Amino acid sequence: QVQLVESGGGLVQPGGSLRLSCVASGVTLDYAKGWFRQAPGKEREGISCISGSDGSTYYVDSVKGRFTISRDNAKKSVYLQMNSLKPEDTGVYYCAAAPECGDETEYWGQGTQVTVSS
């Protein structure tokens, strides 16, 4: 049974940092893992992905230089380190898995709320 479970969300002030974690059980290690974000009133968008085959990483322009995606295969986990957070980073963050970055997502987590506010 596939299960993606996120953790690490919360309330943070602008300029602060958070680290999201996702444990992906039942998903093959060679699947790509990524993070999507749904801001209030907006559609869900992909913000970062890490390839399962070669570890290549991808970021949407709005988070480049601030967010870092990484993985620990031994722990079946993927992480998103978020620095220099801005109010526009507020939203529900979802962990996702697909055969490769850019492919249609096959598995979703339940989401974790990130709120950036003073």
N, C-alpha and C. Protein backbone atom coordinates (compact mmCIF):
# COMPACT_ATOMS: atom_id res chain seq x y z
N GLN A 1 0.84 -1.19 0.00
CA GLN A 1 0.00 0.00 0.00
C GLN A 1 0.89 1.25 0.00
N VAL A 2 0.59 2.17 -0.92
CA VAL A 2 1.38 3.39 -1.03
C VAL A 2 0.84 4.43 -0.05
N GLN A 3 1.77 5.06 0.65
CA GLN A 3 1.39 6.11 1.57
C GLN A 3 2.48 7.17 1.59
N LEU A 4 2.08 8.42 1.39
CA LEU A 4 2.99 9.55 1.48
C LEU A 4 2.51 10.42 2.64
N VAL A 5 3.38 10.65 3.61
CA VAL A 5 3.00 11.39 4.80
C VAL A 5 3.96 12.55 5.00
N GLU A 6 3.38 13.76 4.93
CA GLU A 6 4.18 14.97 5.10
C GLU A 6 4.18 15.43 6.56
N SER A 7 5.21 16.16 6.90
CA SER A 7 5.28 16.79 8.22
C SER A 7 6.20 18.01 8.11
N GLY A 8 6.14 18.87 9.13
CA GLY A 8 7.05 20.00 9.19
C GLY A 8 6.45 21.35 8.89
N GLY A 9 5.18 21.38 8.49
CA GLY A 9 4.55 22.66 8.23
C GLY A 9 4.32 23.45 9.51
N GLY A 10 3.89 24.69 9.34
CA GLY A 10 3.61 25.51 10.51
C GLY A 10 3.57 26.98 10.15
N LEU A 11 3.61 27.80 11.20
CA LEU A 11 3.59 29.25 11.05
C LEU A 11 5.00 29.78 11.23
N VAL A 12 5.43 30.62 10.31
CA VAL A 12 6.78 31.18 10.38
C VAL A 12 6.73 32.63 9.93
N GLN A 13 7.61 33.44 10.47
CA GLN A 13 7.67 34.84 10.07
C GLN A 13 8.39 34.99 8.74
N PRO A 14 8.10 36.05 8.01
CA PRO A 14 8.84 36.31 6.76
C PRO A 14 10.35 36.33 7.03
N GLY A 15 11.08 35.70 6.12
CA GLY A 15 12.53 35.58 6.28
C GLY A 15 12.95 34.34 7.03
N GLY A 16 12.01 33.64 7.61
CA GLY A 16 12.31 32.44 8.38
C GLY A 16 12.47 31.20 7.51
N SER A 17 12.66 30.07 8.19
CA SER A 17 12.90 28.81 7.50
C SER A 17 12.01 27.71 8.06
N LEU A 18 11.72 26.75 7.20
CA LEU A 18 11.03 25.52 7.59
C LEU A 18 11.61 24.39 6.78
N ARG A 19 11.53 23.19 7.34
CA ARG A 19 11.95 21.99 6.61
C ARG A 19 10.79 21.01 6.60
N LEU A 20 10.31 20.73 5.39
CA LEU A 20 9.25 19.75 5.22
C LEU A 20 9.85 18.37 4.98
N SER A 21 9.18 17.37 5.52
CA SER A 21 9.60 15.99 5.32
C SER A 21 8.44 15.18 4.75
N CYS A 22 8.78 14.18 3.98
CA CYS A 22 7.77 13.28 3.43
C CYS A 22 8.32 11.86 3.46
N VAL A 23 7.62 10.99 4.13
CA VAL A 23 7.96 9.57 4.13
C VAL A 23 7.09 8.88 3.10
N ALA A 24 7.73 8.26 2.13
CA ALA A 24 7.01 7.64 1.01
C ALA A 24 7.12 6.12 1.11
N SER A 25 6.20 5.50 1.77
CA SER A 25 6.23 4.05 1.89
C SER A 25 5.45 3.40 0.76
N GLY A 26 5.95 2.27 0.28
CA GLY A 26 5.28 1.56 -0.79
C GLY A 26 5.55 2.10 -2.18
N VAL A 27 6.41 3.11 -2.29
CA VAL A 27 6.76 3.70 -3.59
C VAL A 27 8.18 3.28 -3.93
N THR A 28 8.37 2.81 -5.16
CA THR A 28 9.71 2.37 -5.54
C THR A 28 10.69 3.53 -5.48
N LEU A 29 11.93 3.21 -5.12
CA LEU A 29 12.94 4.24 -4.94
C LEU A 29 13.28 4.97 -6.23
N ASP A 30 13.06 4.33 -7.38
CA ASP A 30 13.42 4.99 -8.63
C ASP A 30 12.32 5.91 -9.14
N TYR A 31 11.25 6.06 -8.38
CA TYR A 31 10.25 7.06 -8.71
C TYR A 31 10.75 8.45 -8.33
N ALA A 32 10.40 9.45 -9.11
CA ALA A 32 10.67 10.83 -8.75
C ALA A 32 9.75 11.24 -7.62
N LYS A 33 10.27 12.10 -6.77
CA LYS A 33 9.46 12.67 -5.67
C LYS A 33 9.49 14.19 -5.81
N GLY A 34 8.38 14.78 -5.47
CA GLY A 34 8.34 16.22 -5.61
C GLY A 34 7.40 16.88 -4.62
N TRP A 35 7.39 18.20 -4.68
CA TRP A 35 6.53 19.00 -3.82
C TRP A 35 5.68 19.93 -4.67
N PHE A 36 4.41 19.97 -4.35
CA PHE A 36 3.47 20.89 -4.95
C PHE A 36 2.98 21.84 -3.86
N ARG A 37 2.48 22.96 -4.31
CA ARG A 37 1.96 23.96 -3.37
C ARG A 37 0.63 24.48 -3.91
N GLN A 38 -0.35 24.63 -3.02
CA GLN A 38 -1.61 25.26 -3.39
C GLN A 38 -1.84 26.44 -2.47
N ALA A 39 -1.69 27.62 -3.05
CA ALA A 39 -1.92 28.86 -2.30
C ALA A 39 -3.42 29.14 -2.24
N PRO A 40 -3.86 29.92 -1.27
CA PRO A 40 -5.29 30.23 -1.15
C PRO A 40 -5.83 30.84 -2.43
N GLY A 41 -6.90 30.26 -2.95
CA GLY A 41 -7.56 30.78 -4.14
C GLY A 41 -6.84 30.49 -5.44
N LYS A 42 -5.79 29.67 -5.39
CA LYS A 42 -5.02 29.38 -6.61
C LYS A 42 -4.97 27.88 -6.86
N GLU A 43 -4.60 27.54 -8.08
CA GLU A 43 -4.45 26.14 -8.43
C GLU A 43 -3.15 25.59 -7.84
N ARG A 44 -3.15 24.28 -7.67
CA ARG A 44 -1.95 23.63 -7.17
C ARG A 44 -0.86 23.68 -8.24
N GLU A 45 0.37 23.99 -7.83
CA GLU A 45 1.48 24.08 -8.77
C GLU A 45 2.67 23.26 -8.26
N GLY A 46 3.39 22.68 -9.19
CA GLY A 46 4.61 21.97 -8.83
C GLY A 46 5.72 22.96 -8.56
N ILE A 47 6.45 22.78 -7.45
CA ILE A 47 7.50 23.73 -7.14
C ILE A 47 8.89 23.11 -7.12
N SER A 48 8.98 21.82 -6.92
CA SER A 48 10.29 21.19 -6.91
C SER A 48 10.16 19.69 -7.12
N CYS A 49 11.20 19.10 -7.72
CA CYS A 49 11.19 17.67 -7.97
C CYS A 49 12.61 17.14 -7.94
N ILE A 50 12.76 15.90 -7.50
CA ILE A 50 14.06 15.24 -7.53
C ILE A 50 13.90 13.90 -8.25
N SER A 51 14.73 13.70 -9.25
CA SER A 51 14.63 12.49 -10.06
C SER A 51 14.99 11.25 -9.24
N GLY A 52 14.26 10.18 -9.48
CA GLY A 52 14.57 8.92 -8.81
C GLY A 52 15.73 8.21 -9.46
N SER A 53 15.99 8.50 -10.72
CA SER A 53 17.03 7.78 -11.44
C SER A 53 18.42 8.35 -11.22
N ASP A 54 18.55 9.69 -11.29
CA ASP A 54 19.88 10.27 -11.19
C ASP A 54 20.00 11.40 -10.18
N GLY A 55 18.93 11.68 -9.46
CA GLY A 55 18.99 12.71 -8.43
C GLY A 55 18.96 14.13 -8.93
N SER A 56 18.71 14.31 -10.23
CA SER A 56 18.61 15.68 -10.74
C SER A 56 17.47 16.42 -10.04
N THR A 57 17.67 17.71 -9.83
CA THR A 57 16.65 18.49 -9.13
C THR A 57 16.11 19.61 -10.02
N TYR A 58 14.87 19.96 -9.76
CA TYR A 58 14.18 20.98 -10.54
C TYR A 58 13.41 21.88 -9.59
N TYR A 59 13.35 23.16 -9.96
CA TYR A 59 12.65 24.14 -9.13
C TYR A 59 11.88 25.11 -10.02
N VAL A 60 10.73 25.53 -9.53
CA VAL A 60 10.02 26.62 -10.20
C VAL A 60 10.79 27.91 -9.91
N ASP A 61 10.73 28.87 -10.81
CA ASP A 61 11.54 30.07 -10.68
C ASP A 61 11.32 30.80 -9.36
N SER A 62 10.09 30.79 -8.87
CA SER A 62 9.78 31.58 -7.67
C SER A 62 10.48 31.08 -6.40
N VAL A 63 11.01 29.85 -6.43
CA VAL A 63 11.66 29.32 -5.23
C VAL A 63 13.15 29.05 -5.43
N LYS A 64 13.64 29.24 -6.64
CA LYS A 64 15.06 28.98 -6.91
C LYS A 64 15.95 29.84 -6.02
N GLY A 65 16.98 29.21 -5.46
CA GLY A 65 17.90 29.93 -4.58
C GLY A 65 17.43 30.00 -3.14
N ARG A 66 16.17 29.64 -2.89
CA ARG A 66 15.64 29.70 -1.52
C ARG A 66 15.27 28.31 -0.99
N PHE A 67 14.78 27.45 -1.86
CA PHE A 67 14.34 26.10 -1.47
C PHE A 67 15.33 25.07 -1.99
N THR A 68 15.50 24.00 -1.21
CA THR A 68 16.37 22.90 -1.62
C THR A 68 15.66 21.57 -1.36
N ILE A 69 15.56 20.76 -2.41
CA ILE A 69 14.96 19.44 -2.26
C ILE A 69 16.08 18.41 -2.12
N SER A 70 15.84 17.40 -1.30
CA SER A 70 16.82 16.33 -1.10
C SER A 70 16.09 15.06 -0.75
N ARG A 71 16.81 13.97 -0.77
CA ARG A 71 16.19 12.68 -0.47
C ARG A 71 17.13 11.83 0.37
N ASP A 72 16.56 10.89 1.09
CA ASP A 72 17.32 9.89 1.84
C ASP A 72 16.65 8.55 1.54
N ASN A 73 17.21 7.81 0.61
CA ASN A 73 16.58 6.56 0.19
C ASN A 73 16.47 5.55 1.33
N ALA A 74 17.46 5.54 2.21
CA ALA A 74 17.42 4.60 3.33
C ALA A 74 16.21 4.85 4.23
N LYS A 75 15.79 6.10 4.30
CA LYS A 75 14.62 6.45 5.12
C LYS A 75 13.37 6.61 4.29
N LYS A 76 13.47 6.33 2.98
CA LYS A 76 12.32 6.47 2.07
C LYS A 76 11.72 7.87 2.18
N SER A 77 12.58 8.84 2.32
CA SER A 77 12.11 10.19 2.61
C SER A 77 12.62 11.21 1.60
N VAL A 78 11.84 12.25 1.44
CA VAL A 78 12.23 13.40 0.64
C VAL A 78 11.97 14.63 1.50
N TYR A 79 12.82 15.63 1.34
CA TYR A 79 12.76 16.82 2.17
C TYR A 79 12.70 18.08 1.31
N LEU A 80 12.15 19.13 1.88
CA LEU A 80 12.17 20.43 1.23
C LEU A 80 12.61 21.45 2.28
N GLN A 81 13.84 21.93 2.15
CA GLN A 81 14.35 22.98 3.01
C GLN A 81 13.95 24.31 2.41
N MET A 82 13.21 25.09 3.19
CA MET A 82 12.69 26.37 2.69
C MET A 82 13.28 27.50 3.51
N ASN A 83 14.05 28.34 2.86
CA ASN A 83 14.69 29.48 3.52
C ASN A 83 14.15 30.78 2.94
N SER A 84 14.41 31.86 3.66
CA SER A 84 13.98 33.20 3.21
C SER A 84 12.52 33.19 2.80
N LEU A 85 11.69 32.64 3.63
CA LEU A 85 10.28 32.48 3.30
C LEU A 85 9.59 33.83 3.16
N LYS A 86 8.64 33.86 2.23
CA LYS A 86 7.88 35.07 1.94
C LYS A 86 6.40 34.80 2.17
N PRO A 87 5.60 35.82 2.40
CA PRO A 87 4.15 35.60 2.57
C PRO A 87 3.53 34.85 1.39
N GLU A 88 4.04 35.08 0.20
CA GLU A 88 3.48 34.39 -0.97
C GLU A 88 3.84 32.91 -1.03
N ASP A 89 4.66 32.44 -0.11
CA ASP A 89 4.93 31.01 -0.01
C ASP A 89 3.85 30.28 0.80
N THR A 90 2.94 31.03 1.36
CA THR A 90 1.85 30.44 2.14
C THR A 90 1.01 29.52 1.29
N GLY A 91 0.66 28.37 1.86
CA GLY A 91 -0.19 27.43 1.15
C GLY A 91 -0.10 26.05 1.75
N VAL A 92 -0.83 25.14 1.14
CA VAL A 92 -0.73 23.73 1.53
C VAL A 92 0.30 23.07 0.62
N TYR A 93 1.24 22.40 1.23
CA TYR A 93 2.31 21.74 0.50
C TYR A 93 2.06 20.24 0.46
N TYR A 94 2.12 19.71 -0.73
CA TYR A 94 1.84 18.29 -0.95
C TYR A 94 3.08 17.57 -1.46
N CYS A 95 3.35 16.43 -0.90
CA CYS A 95 4.36 15.53 -1.41
C CYS A 95 3.72 14.68 -2.52
N ALA A 96 4.51 14.37 -3.55
CA ALA A 96 3.97 13.62 -4.68
C ALA A 96 5.02 12.69 -5.25
N ALA A 97 4.56 11.67 -5.94
CA ALA A 97 5.46 10.72 -6.58
C ALA A 97 4.96 10.39 -7.98
N ALA A 98 5.92 10.27 -8.90
CA ALA A 98 5.61 9.98 -10.30
C ALA A 98 6.78 9.19 -10.88
N PRO A 99 6.58 8.55 -12.01
CA PRO A 99 7.69 7.79 -12.59
C PRO A 99 8.94 8.65 -12.80
N GLU A 100 8.73 9.88 -13.29
CA GLU A 100 9.85 10.80 -13.46
C GLU A 100 9.34 12.22 -13.32
N CYS A 101 10.24 13.17 -13.05
CA CYS A 101 9.84 14.58 -12.95
C CYS A 101 9.19 15.00 -14.27
N GLY A 102 8.06 15.65 -14.16
CA GLY A 102 7.33 16.08 -15.33
C GLY A 102 6.22 15.13 -15.74
N ASP A 103 6.27 13.91 -15.24
CA ASP A 103 5.20 12.96 -15.52
C ASP A 103 3.98 13.26 -14.65
N GLU A 104 2.85 12.71 -15.03
CA GLU A 104 1.64 12.89 -14.23
C GLU A 104 1.83 12.23 -12.87
N THR A 105 1.43 12.95 -11.82
CA THR A 105 1.58 12.43 -10.46
C THR A 105 0.70 11.21 -10.26
N GLU A 106 1.28 10.19 -9.66
CA GLU A 106 0.52 8.96 -9.39
C GLU A 106 0.06 8.88 -7.95
N TYR A 107 0.87 9.45 -7.07
CA TYR A 107 0.56 9.35 -5.64
C TYR A 107 0.71 10.73 -4.99
N TRP A 108 -0.21 10.99 -4.05
CA TRP A 108 -0.22 12.26 -3.34
C TRP A 108 -0.23 12.02 -1.83
N GLY A 109 0.40 12.96 -1.12
CA GLY A 109 0.24 13.00 0.31
C GLY A 109 -0.99 13.81 0.67
N GLN A 110 -1.24 13.92 1.96
CA GLN A 110 -2.46 14.61 2.41
C GLN A 110 -2.26 16.11 2.55
N GLY A 111 -1.02 16.56 2.52
CA GLY A 111 -0.72 17.98 2.58
C GLY A 111 -0.39 18.47 3.97
N THR A 112 0.44 19.52 4.02
CA THR A 112 0.78 20.16 5.28
C THR A 112 0.75 21.67 5.07
N GLN A 113 0.17 22.38 6.02
CA GLN A 113 -0.03 23.82 5.88
C GLN A 113 1.24 24.58 6.26
N VAL A 114 1.60 25.51 5.40
CA VAL A 114 2.69 26.45 5.69
C VAL A 114 2.11 27.85 5.62
N THR A 115 2.29 28.60 6.68
CA THR A 115 1.80 29.97 6.73
C THR A 115 2.97 30.89 7.06
N VAL A 116 3.20 31.86 6.18
CA VAL A 116 4.28 32.83 6.38
C VAL A 116 3.63 34.18 6.67
N SER A 117 3.76 34.60 7.90
CA SER A 117 3.07 35.82 8.32
C SER A 117 3.75 36.39 9.56
N SER A 118 3.70 37.72 9.65
CA SER A 118 4.24 38.37 10.85
C SER A 118 3.13 38.61 11.87
